[in-house]
Amino acid sequence: MNPSASSPVDQQPEPALQVVILAAGKGTRMRSRLPKVLQPLAGRALLAHVLDTAHALHDARCVVVVGHGAQQVREAFAGAGQLGFCEQVPQLGTGHAVLQACPQLDDSGVVLVLYGDVPLVRTQTLQPLLDAARGGALAMLTVRLAQPAGYGRIVRDAQGRVSRIVEHKDASPAELAIDEVNSGIIAAPAAALKRWVGQLRNDNAQGEYYLTDVVALAHADGVPVHGVPAADADELLGVNDRLQLAHLERVMQRRRAEQLLRDGVTLLDPQRIDVRGELVCGQDVRIDVGCVFEGRVELADGVQVGPHCVLRDCRIGAESRIEAFSHIDGAVCAEGTRIGPYARLRPGTELARDVHVGNFTEVKNSSLGEASKANHLSYVGDATVGARVNIGAGTITCNYDGAAKHRTVIEDDAFIGSDTQLVAPVRVGQGATLGAGTTLTRDAPAGQLTVSRARQLSIAGWKRPQK
């Protein structure tokens, strides 16, 4: 047998993908101390969304071109993997920006150019560009707009091939009538792109080096230029001011709401939900109007979230119910918990199965054991609460002495009467009862009633002072 006959055909590996992200702009119209690419969208910086898209492309290595606020941008993304930076000073246009990244680009790879203030583009939209560039072409993402003012126009030859791009300020009246515009997002073989940006000239109305001029250079070199139309114009929306940022926020939230609905989550009004991070839902989750989710939030099967709740970095167990206007931050709640309305769970809170935390009750850095209840107007801070404990209305754990925090321990089956203050450090024994109005400064024995009150007096003949 001929060994070579049975061997698989050798395949050439795909050229390495390198992503250049242009993020040097100041964002003057944002009127902010933050660089534009650090402005928040859905709870994260604009640039973070672009990096997510880049990293979702197979083995992509990213180079971010920074300028205004360069140090702030570097610090914000210091921990990101496979990420390099280069600085553009002064800012002389998009072509000049890509030129700054060229020393970090491998000639054998493919380069994709993205923008730090265009955060909604999807990986599936970019894939045809990468396929064309791997075939040796220059590919660009285009879109047709009913109102293309301000955008560079796509000029095609008699055969319908892209021949050049003309910027709005340099366009003739006939060119201004073109409705197909350039998104600025391109992909090309790295060696060719590096050669083209090195040949750019700035003899235009702005005196800048336009990246779009590489189209004419590619055309002159006989390199095919593919204009790939985007199906969804929203993907190519950029941010220059807060009005545009607010518009993108609603587009992003609409996307997330639609995905939640497709995943089987019930949203009573998809237009009134804000996900500013990652929301992971089980089956039969129901979310009422006006809710905000920040960081990573996990809702297990059957969770119901009432209107106008704020959940941040928390896990909610199956069949739990969160009533209206509750705030949950950094808490872990087991199955069957009942929270709110108007409850607040702060970081370090752990609720076991079937715990109830009711209206105007705050819990911080505390654990409540199975089936325990704090249903009304109470503060439980720095406490370890056992199972089946009842905490009456108006109860306070006095955990702070002005300098340090101290812990309260309430053992299983204790009953804490209303309007009780537990002055930590203090322990309530198993099965103990504290009478209403008690101020507890020493440990309460297990199984006994502990009461601390002034003796009640009624004074005959007393007259209330008169004005």
Protein backbone atom coordinates (compact mmCIF):
# COMPACT_ATOMS: atom_id res chain seq x y z
CA MET A 1 0.00 0.00 0.00
CA ASN A 2 1.19 3.48 -0.83
CA PRO A 3 1.18 5.39 2.49
CA SER A 4 0.72 8.73 0.76
CA ALA A 5 -2.46 7.54 -0.91
CA SER A 6 -4.24 7.05 2.43
CA SER A 7 -2.95 10.23 4.07
CA PRO A 8 -5.33 13.19 4.38
CA VAL A 9 -4.68 16.08 2.05
CA ASP A 10 -2.52 18.70 3.75
CA GLN A 11 -4.43 21.89 4.39
CA GLN A 12 -2.85 25.29 4.67
CA PRO A 13 -3.63 26.95 8.01
CA GLU A 14 -5.75 30.07 7.89
CA PRO A 15 -3.74 33.30 8.09
CA ALA A 16 -3.59 34.65 11.64
CA LEU A 17 -6.25 37.23 12.41
CA GLN A 18 -5.12 40.57 13.78
CA VAL A 19 -7.64 43.21 14.87
CA VAL A 20 -6.75 46.90 14.97
CA ILE A 21 -9.21 48.95 17.04
CA LEU A 22 -9.12 52.71 16.56
CA ALA A 23 -9.71 54.33 19.95
CA ALA A 24 -7.75 57.59 19.90
CA GLY A 25 -10.62 60.06 19.64
CA LYS A 26 -11.29 62.61 22.35
CA GLY A 27 -15.06 62.71 22.04
CA THR A 28 -15.34 66.48 22.49
CA ARG A 29 -19.10 66.44 21.97
CA MET A 30 -19.53 64.03 24.89
CA ARG A 31 -18.50 66.92 27.21
CA SER A 32 -16.89 64.47 29.61
CA ARG A 33 -13.62 63.85 31.43
CA LEU A 34 -13.75 60.25 30.19
CA PRO A 35 -12.28 59.37 26.79
CA LYS A 36 -15.07 58.52 24.39
CA VAL A 37 -14.32 54.79 24.23
CA LEU A 38 -14.70 54.54 28.02
CA GLN A 39 -18.23 55.93 28.02
CA PRO A 40 -20.62 53.29 29.39
CA LEU A 41 -23.02 51.33 27.21
CA ALA A 42 -25.18 48.71 28.93
CA GLY A 43 -22.97 49.01 31.99
CA ARG A 44 -19.62 48.56 30.24
CA ALA A 45 -17.23 50.76 28.29
CA LEU A 46 -17.86 51.14 24.57
CA LEU A 47 -14.43 49.65 23.89
CA ALA A 48 -15.25 46.59 26.01
CA HIS A 49 -18.08 45.66 23.64
CA VAL A 50 -15.78 45.98 20.62
CA LEU A 51 -13.15 43.83 22.33
CA ASP A 52 -15.80 41.19 23.08
CA THR A 53 -16.60 41.03 19.39
CA ALA A 54 -12.91 40.84 18.44
CA HIS A 55 -12.14 38.12 20.98
CA ALA A 56 -15.11 36.09 19.77
CA LEU A 57 -13.32 35.76 16.41
CA HIS A 58 -11.06 32.72 16.44
CA ASP A 59 -7.62 33.39 17.95
CA ALA A 60 -7.76 37.11 17.22
CA ARG A 61 -4.93 39.29 18.54
CA CYS A 62 -5.92 42.91 19.17
CA VAL A 63 -4.00 46.16 18.93
CA VAL A 64 -5.77 49.23 20.32
CA VAL A 65 -4.69 52.60 18.93
CA VAL A 66 -5.04 55.14 21.74
CA GLY A 67 -4.58 58.90 21.83
CA HIS A 68 -6.69 61.20 23.98
CA GLY A 69 -6.87 59.76 27.48
CA ALA A 70 -4.39 57.06 26.47
CA GLN A 71 -3.34 56.27 30.04
CA GLN A 72 -6.95 55.97 31.21
CA VAL A 73 -7.73 53.53 28.41
CA ARG A 74 -4.61 51.46 29.08
CA GLU A 75 -5.42 51.25 32.79
CA ALA A 76 -9.06 50.32 32.15
CA PHE A 77 -8.00 47.32 30.05
CA ALA A 78 -4.71 46.42 31.71
CA GLY A 79 -5.90 42.90 32.53
CA ALA A 80 -7.23 42.01 29.09
CA GLY A 81 -5.43 39.13 27.40
CA GLN A 82 -3.92 39.18 23.89
CA LEU A 83 -4.15 42.96 23.82
CA GLY A 84 -1.51 45.42 22.68
CA PHE A 85 -1.52 49.21 22.58
CA CYS A 86 0.06 51.86 20.41
CA GLU A 87 -0.33 55.61 20.60
CA GLN A 88 -1.37 58.05 17.88
CA VAL A 89 0.05 61.53 18.55
CA PRO A 90 -1.05 63.74 16.93
CA GLN A 91 -4.34 62.37 15.55
CA LEU A 92 -4.06 62.77 11.78
CA GLY A 93 -6.88 60.56 10.58
CA THR A 94 -7.87 56.91 10.43
CA GLY A 95 -5.17 55.92 7.95
CA HIS A 96 -2.53 57.52 10.16
CA ALA A 97 -3.97 55.59 13.14
CA VAL A 98 -3.64 52.23 11.39
CA LEU A 99 -0.09 53.19 10.38
CA GLN A 100 0.83 53.44 14.07
CA ALA A 101 -0.27 49.84 14.60
CA CYS A 102 1.66 48.46 11.61
CA PRO A 103 4.88 47.63 13.54
CA GLN A 104 2.85 45.22 15.68
CA LEU A 105 1.24 43.44 12.71
CA ASP A 106 2.56 40.23 11.19
CA ASP A 107 2.82 40.47 7.40
CA SER A 108 1.49 36.94 6.93
CA GLY A 109 -1.81 37.54 8.67
CA VAL A 110 -5.12 39.19 7.94
CA VAL A 111 -6.04 42.54 9.51
CA LEU A 112 -9.53 43.59 10.56
CA VAL A 113 -10.00 47.27 11.42
CA LEU A 114 -12.72 48.08 13.97
CA TYR A 115 -13.66 51.25 15.85
CA GLY A 116 -13.84 51.69 19.58
CA ASP A 117 -16.97 53.83 19.30
CA VAL A 118 -18.90 51.43 17.01
CA PRO A 119 -19.89 48.77 19.55
CA LEU A 120 -22.87 46.93 18.05
CA VAL A 121 -21.30 45.08 15.11
CA ARG A 122 -21.69 41.29 15.35
CA THR A 123 -19.19 38.56 14.57
CA GLN A 124 -21.48 36.98 11.97
CA THR A 125 -21.54 40.28 10.09
CA LEU A 126 -17.74 40.43 10.06
CA GLN A 127 -17.19 36.85 8.90
CA PRO A 128 -17.72 37.52 5.14
CA LEU A 129 -15.08 40.28 5.32
CA LEU A 130 -12.57 37.89 6.87
CA ASP A 131 -13.32 35.21 4.29
CA ALA A 132 -12.73 37.69 1.46
CA ALA A 133 -9.49 38.99 2.99
CA ARG A 134 -8.17 35.46 3.45
CA GLY A 135 -8.75 35.06 -0.29
CA GLY A 136 -6.49 38.03 -0.98
CA ALA A 137 -9.14 40.75 -1.39
CA LEU A 138 -9.78 44.01 0.39
CA ALA A 139 -13.25 43.84 1.95
CA MET A 140 -15.29 46.59 3.54
CA LEU A 141 -18.57 46.70 5.38
CA THR A 142 -21.12 48.99 3.74
CA VAL A 143 -24.71 49.98 4.43
CA ARG A 144 -27.45 51.83 2.61
CA LEU A 145 -28.91 54.78 4.50
CA ALA A 146 -31.92 56.91 3.72
CA GLN A 147 -30.02 59.89 5.16
CA PRO A 148 -26.32 59.31 4.44
CA ALA A 149 -25.13 62.81 5.37
CA GLY A 150 -21.73 62.80 7.04
CA TYR A 151 -20.70 59.37 5.76
CA GLY A 152 -18.18 58.47 3.07
CA ARG A 153 -19.90 57.35 -0.13
CA ILE A 154 -19.13 54.07 -1.91
CA VAL A 155 -18.26 54.71 -5.56
CA ARG A 156 -18.59 51.68 -7.83
CA ASP A 157 -17.40 51.22 -11.42
CA ALA A 158 -19.51 50.22 -14.42
CA GLN A 159 -19.25 46.56 -13.39
CA GLY A 160 -20.53 47.31 -9.90
CA ARG A 161 -17.17 46.84 -8.24
CA VAL A 162 -16.00 49.23 -5.53
CA SER A 163 -13.46 51.64 -7.02
CA ARG A 164 -13.07 54.24 -4.28
CA ILE A 165 -14.66 55.96 -1.32
CA VAL A 166 -15.20 59.69 -1.19
CA GLU A 167 -15.62 61.45 2.14
CA HIS A 168 -18.73 63.60 2.58
CA LYS A 169 -16.77 66.87 2.75
CA ASP A 170 -14.91 66.03 -0.46
CA ALA A 171 -17.89 64.66 -2.44
CA SER A 172 -19.41 66.21 -5.55
CA PRO A 173 -23.20 66.75 -5.79
CA ALA A 174 -23.51 63.53 -7.80
CA GLU A 175 -21.51 61.60 -5.23
CA LEU A 176 -23.58 63.05 -2.38
CA ALA A 177 -26.64 61.45 -4.00
CA ILE A 178 -25.18 57.97 -3.40
CA ASP A 179 -26.93 56.22 -0.48
CA GLU A 180 -24.42 53.37 0.00
CA VAL A 181 -21.93 54.45 2.62
CA ASN A 182 -18.75 53.22 4.16
CA SER A 183 -18.79 51.94 7.73
CA GLY A 184 -15.00 52.28 8.02
CA ILE A 185 -14.71 48.60 8.96
CA ILE A 186 -12.35 46.80 6.58
CA ALA A 187 -10.38 43.56 6.34
CA ALA A 188 -7.32 42.99 4.18
CA PRO A 189 -4.14 40.93 3.90
CA ALA A 190 -1.72 42.46 6.39
CA ALA A 191 1.23 42.96 4.04
CA ALA A 192 -0.90 44.74 1.46
CA LEU A 193 -2.65 46.93 4.03
CA LYS A 194 0.66 48.00 5.55
CA ARG A 195 1.93 48.94 2.09
CA TRP A 196 -1.19 50.92 1.26
CA VAL A 197 -1.35 52.95 4.49
CA GLY A 198 2.29 53.87 3.95
CA GLN A 199 1.31 55.41 0.59
CA LEU A 200 -1.60 57.53 1.86
CA ARG A 201 -1.63 61.29 1.18
CA ASN A 202 -3.41 64.05 3.08
CA ASP A 203 -4.31 66.36 0.17
CA ASN A 204 -8.00 66.62 1.11
CA ALA A 205 -10.34 69.09 2.78
CA GLN A 206 -9.44 67.89 6.27
CA GLY A 207 -5.70 67.53 5.73
CA GLU A 208 -5.94 63.97 7.14
CA TYR A 209 -4.80 60.53 6.05
CA TYR A 210 -8.01 58.66 5.28
CA LEU A 211 -8.03 54.89 5.65
CA THR A 212 -10.73 54.84 2.98
CA ASP A 213 -8.15 55.88 0.39
CA VAL A 214 -6.67 52.38 0.49
CA VAL A 215 -9.59 51.34 -1.72
CA ALA A 216 -8.25 53.31 -4.67
CA LEU A 217 -4.73 51.99 -3.98
CA ALA A 218 -6.01 48.41 -3.93
CA HIS A 219 -7.93 49.04 -7.13
CA ALA A 220 -4.78 50.39 -8.76
CA ASP A 221 -2.87 47.28 -7.67
CA GLY A 222 -5.50 45.02 -9.26
CA VAL A 223 -6.60 43.70 -5.86
CA PRO A 224 -10.32 42.86 -5.74
CA VAL A 225 -12.35 45.17 -3.53
CA HIS A 226 -15.51 43.68 -2.07
CA GLY A 227 -18.24 45.82 -0.56
CA VAL A 228 -20.15 43.63 1.87
CA PRO A 229 -23.51 45.15 2.81
CA ALA A 230 -24.63 44.86 6.43
CA ALA A 231 -28.19 43.63 6.87
CA ASP A 232 -28.78 45.72 10.00
CA ALA A 233 -27.79 49.38 9.88
CA ASP A 234 -27.92 49.58 13.69
CA GLU A 235 -24.74 47.49 13.84
CA LEU A 236 -22.76 50.33 12.29
CA LEU A 237 -24.02 53.13 14.51
CA GLY A 238 -21.24 55.12 16.13
CA VAL A 239 -21.15 57.45 19.13
CA ASN A 240 -20.21 61.11 18.99
CA ASP A 241 -22.48 62.64 21.61
CA ARG A 242 -24.75 61.63 24.46
CA LEU A 243 -27.85 61.64 22.27
CA GLN A 244 -26.29 58.97 20.06
CA LEU A 245 -25.09 57.08 23.12
CA ALA A 246 -28.64 57.04 24.52
CA HIS A 247 -29.94 55.75 21.19
CA LEU A 248 -27.39 52.93 21.16
CA GLU A 249 -28.34 52.05 24.74
CA ARG A 250 -31.91 51.40 23.66
CA VAL A 251 -30.76 49.39 20.64
CA MET A 252 -28.53 47.27 22.89
CA GLN A 253 -31.30 46.76 25.47
CA ARG A 254 -33.78 45.82 22.74
CA ARG A 255 -31.32 43.18 21.48
CA ARG A 256 -30.90 41.75 24.95
CA ALA A 257 -34.63 41.71 25.64
CA GLU A 258 -35.27 39.90 22.36
CA GLN A 259 -32.64 37.29 23.22
CA LEU A 260 -34.16 36.74 26.66
CA LEU A 261 -37.56 36.22 25.08
CA ARG A 262 -36.12 33.74 22.60
CA ASP A 263 -34.51 31.93 25.55
CA GLY A 264 -37.90 31.50 27.19
CA VAL A 265 -37.88 34.32 29.75
CA THR A 266 -41.17 36.16 30.29
CA LEU A 267 -40.74 39.93 30.12
CA LEU A 268 -43.95 41.81 30.87
CA ASP A 269 -42.66 44.72 28.78
CA PRO A 270 -39.51 44.09 26.69
CA GLN A 271 -39.01 47.84 26.33
CA ARG A 272 -38.69 48.35 30.08
CA ILE A 273 -35.73 46.23 31.15
CA ASP A 274 -32.05 47.15 31.42
CA VAL A 275 -29.35 44.49 31.44
CA ARG A 276 -26.02 46.15 32.27
CA GLY A 277 -23.90 43.04 32.44
CA GLU A 278 -24.79 39.35 32.15
CA LEU A 279 -28.20 37.95 33.02
CA VAL A 280 -28.45 34.14 33.15
CA CYS A 281 -31.96 32.72 33.48
CA GLY A 282 -33.39 29.25 34.00
CA GLN A 283 -36.78 28.07 32.79
CA ASP A 284 -40.02 29.91 33.52
CA VAL A 285 -38.39 33.07 34.84
CA ARG A 286 -40.75 36.06 34.94
CA ILE A 287 -39.52 39.67 35.06
CA ASP A 288 -41.85 42.62 35.56
CA VAL A 289 -41.32 46.15 34.26
CA GLY A 290 -38.56 48.59 35.12
CA CYS A 291 -35.98 46.10 36.43
CA VAL A 292 -32.24 46.72 36.22
CA PHE A 293 -29.63 43.93 36.21
CA GLU A 294 -25.96 44.81 36.73
CA GLY A 295 -22.80 42.69 36.79
CA ARG A 296 -23.56 38.96 36.67
CA VAL A 297 -27.01 37.95 37.84
CA GLU A 298 -28.26 34.36 37.89
CA LEU A 299 -31.98 33.60 38.19
CA ALA A 300 -32.77 29.90 38.61
CA ASP A 301 -35.92 28.12 37.39
CA GLY A 302 -39.23 29.72 38.30
CA VAL A 303 -37.86 32.94 39.78
CA GLN A 304 -40.26 35.87 39.70
CA VAL A 305 -38.94 39.43 39.86
CA GLY A 306 -41.46 42.15 40.63
CA PRO A 307 -41.47 45.65 39.13
CA HIS A 308 -38.68 48.18 39.58
CA CYS A 309 -36.13 45.91 41.25
CA VAL A 310 -32.35 46.35 40.99
CA LEU A 311 -30.21 43.19 41.07
CA ARG A 312 -26.42 43.31 40.97
CA ASP A 313 -23.89 40.43 41.11
CA CYS A 314 -26.26 37.99 42.82
CA ARG A 315 -27.65 34.46 42.57
CA ILE A 316 -31.33 33.77 43.20
CA GLY A 317 -32.46 30.18 43.78
CA ALA A 318 -35.32 28.33 42.14
CA GLU A 319 -38.94 29.36 42.79
CA SER A 320 -37.87 32.47 44.70
CA ARG A 321 -39.97 35.60 44.54
CA ILE A 322 -38.63 39.15 44.64
CA GLU A 323 -41.31 41.74 45.27
CA ALA A 324 -41.41 45.29 43.92
CA PHE A 325 -38.71 47.91 44.54
CA SER A 326 -36.23 45.52 46.15
CA HIS A 327 -32.45 46.01 45.80
CA ILE A 328 -30.17 42.97 45.86
CA ASP A 329 -26.41 43.47 45.64
CA GLY A 330 -23.80 40.73 46.08
CA ALA A 331 -26.24 38.31 47.74
CA VAL A 332 -26.74 34.57 47.35
CA CYS A 333 -30.29 33.34 47.91
CA ALA A 334 -31.28 29.67 48.00
CA GLU A 335 -34.49 28.26 46.57
CA GLY A 336 -37.88 29.39 47.77
CA THR A 337 -36.80 32.71 49.27
CA ARG A 338 -39.25 35.61 49.54
CA ILE A 339 -37.75 39.09 49.34
CA GLY A 340 -39.46 42.47 49.60
CA PRO A 341 -41.22 44.61 48.69
CA TYR A 342 -38.75 47.40 49.42
CA ALA A 343 -36.10 45.03 50.81
CA ARG A 344 -32.37 45.59 50.52
CA LEU A 345 -29.80 42.79 50.51
CA ARG A 346 -26.24 44.06 50.59
CA PRO A 347 -22.94 42.27 49.82
CA GLY A 348 -22.17 39.22 51.93
CA THR A 349 -25.81 38.26 52.42
CA GLU A 350 -26.62 34.55 52.24
CA LEU A 351 -30.20 33.36 52.54
CA ALA A 352 -30.95 29.67 52.99
CA ARG A 353 -34.02 27.85 51.68
CA ASP A 354 -37.43 29.43 52.36
CA VAL A 355 -36.07 32.53 54.11
CA HIS A 356 -38.34 35.59 54.12
CA VAL A 357 -36.91 39.13 54.13
CA GLY A 358 -39.78 41.55 54.02
CA ASN A 359 -40.62 45.18 53.49
CA PHE A 360 -38.09 47.81 54.54
CA THR A 361 -35.68 45.21 55.90
CA GLU A 362 -31.95 45.50 55.22
CA VAL A 363 -29.49 42.62 55.47
CA LYS A 364 -25.71 43.09 55.18
CA ASN A 365 -22.85 40.58 55.52
CA SER A 366 -25.16 38.12 57.25
CA SER A 367 -26.47 34.60 56.82
CA LEU A 368 -30.04 33.56 57.61
CA GLY A 369 -30.72 29.85 58.08
CA GLU A 370 -33.53 27.81 56.59
CA ALA A 371 -37.09 29.15 57.07
CA SER A 372 -35.98 32.15 59.13
CA LYS A 373 -37.95 35.38 58.75
CA ALA A 374 -37.26 39.09 59.08
CA ASN A 375 -40.46 40.45 57.65
CA HIS A 376 -40.71 44.09 58.75
CA LEU A 377 -38.60 47.20 59.20
CA SER A 378 -35.43 45.56 60.51
CA TYR A 379 -31.66 45.78 60.08
CA VAL A 380 -29.57 42.60 60.21
CA GLY A 381 -25.87 43.40 59.82
CA ASP A 382 -22.80 41.24 60.52
CA ALA A 383 -24.98 38.47 61.91
CA THR A 384 -25.19 34.70 61.80
CA VAL A 385 -28.83 33.69 62.09
CA GLY A 386 -29.81 30.06 62.48
CA ALA A 387 -32.82 28.16 61.14
CA ARG A 388 -36.47 28.94 61.91
CA VAL A 389 -35.64 32.21 63.65
CA ASN A 390 -38.32 34.91 63.79
CA ILE A 391 -36.99 38.48 63.81
CA GLY A 392 -39.72 40.91 64.85
CA ALA A 393 -40.46 44.31 63.40
CA GLY A 394 -38.05 47.09 64.27
CA THR A 395 -35.20 44.79 65.30
CA ILE A 396 -31.67 46.12 64.91
CA THR A 397 -28.31 44.39 65.24
CA CYS A 398 -26.09 47.13 66.65
CA ASN A 399 -22.94 45.98 64.86
CA TYR A 400 -20.81 49.15 64.78
CA ASP A 401 -19.25 50.82 67.81
CA GLY A 402 -17.88 53.78 65.87
CA ALA A 403 -14.54 52.12 65.16
CA ALA A 404 -15.09 48.42 64.44
CA LYS A 405 -17.80 45.97 63.35
CA HIS A 406 -18.94 43.20 65.71
CA ARG A 407 -20.92 40.04 65.08
CA THR A 408 -24.28 38.90 66.39
CA VAL A 409 -25.12 35.18 66.59
CA ILE A 410 -28.74 34.03 66.82
CA GLU A 411 -29.09 30.26 67.15
CA ASP A 412 -31.83 28.00 65.74
CA ASP A 413 -35.48 28.50 66.74
CA ALA A 414 -34.91 31.76 68.58
CA PHE A 415 -37.72 34.34 68.69
CA ILE A 416 -36.73 38.00 68.64
CA GLY A 417 -39.51 40.31 69.80
CA SER A 418 -40.32 43.57 68.06
CA ASP A 419 -38.26 46.70 68.63
CA THR A 420 -35.25 44.78 69.96
CA GLN A 421 -31.67 46.01 69.81
CA LEU A 422 -28.90 43.41 69.92
CA VAL A 423 -25.66 45.16 70.91
CA ALA A 424 -22.87 43.13 69.34
CA PRO A 425 -20.88 41.11 70.08
CA VAL A 426 -23.71 39.09 71.54
CA ARG A 427 -25.23 35.59 71.22
CA VAL A 428 -28.83 34.44 71.49
CA GLY A 429 -29.04 30.77 72.47
CA GLN A 430 -31.06 28.07 70.75
CA GLY A 431 -34.78 28.40 71.32
CA ALA A 432 -34.39 31.61 73.32
CA THR A 433 -37.05 34.32 73.32
CA LEU A 434 -36.34 38.03 73.58
CA GLY A 435 -39.25 40.13 74.78
CA ALA A 436 -40.35 43.09 72.74
CA GLY A 437 -38.40 46.26 73.42
CA THR A 438 -35.35 44.44 74.78
CA THR A 439 -31.90 45.98 74.51
CA LEU A 440 -29.61 42.95 74.68
CA THR A 441 -26.06 43.68 75.86
CA ARG A 442 -25.20 40.21 77.25
CA ASP A 443 -25.73 36.73 75.85
CA ALA A 444 -29.29 35.38 76.11
CA PRO A 445 -29.45 31.80 77.46
CA ALA A 446 -30.92 29.03 75.33
CA GLY A 447 -34.55 28.16 75.93
CA GLN A 448 -35.30 31.09 78.22
CA LEU A 449 -37.17 34.39 78.01
CA THR A 450 -34.91 37.40 78.26
CA VAL A 451 -36.45 40.83 78.82
CA SER A 452 -34.73 44.17 79.29
CA ARG A 453 -37.17 47.01 79.89
CA ALA A 454 -37.71 49.91 82.25
CA ARG A 455 -40.54 49.26 84.71
CA GLN A 456 -43.81 50.67 83.43
CA LEU A 457 -45.28 53.50 85.49
CA SER A 458 -48.53 55.45 85.36
CA ILE A 459 -48.37 58.80 87.21
CA ALA A 460 -51.69 60.06 88.54
CA GLY A 461 -52.37 63.76 88.33
CA TRP A 462 -49.66 64.50 85.77
CA LYS A 463 -50.43 67.43 83.52
CA ARG A 464 -49.11 67.86 80.01
CA PRO A 465 -47.26 71.18 79.55
CA GLN A 466 -49.22 73.85 77.72
CA LYS A 467 -47.86 76.40 75.25
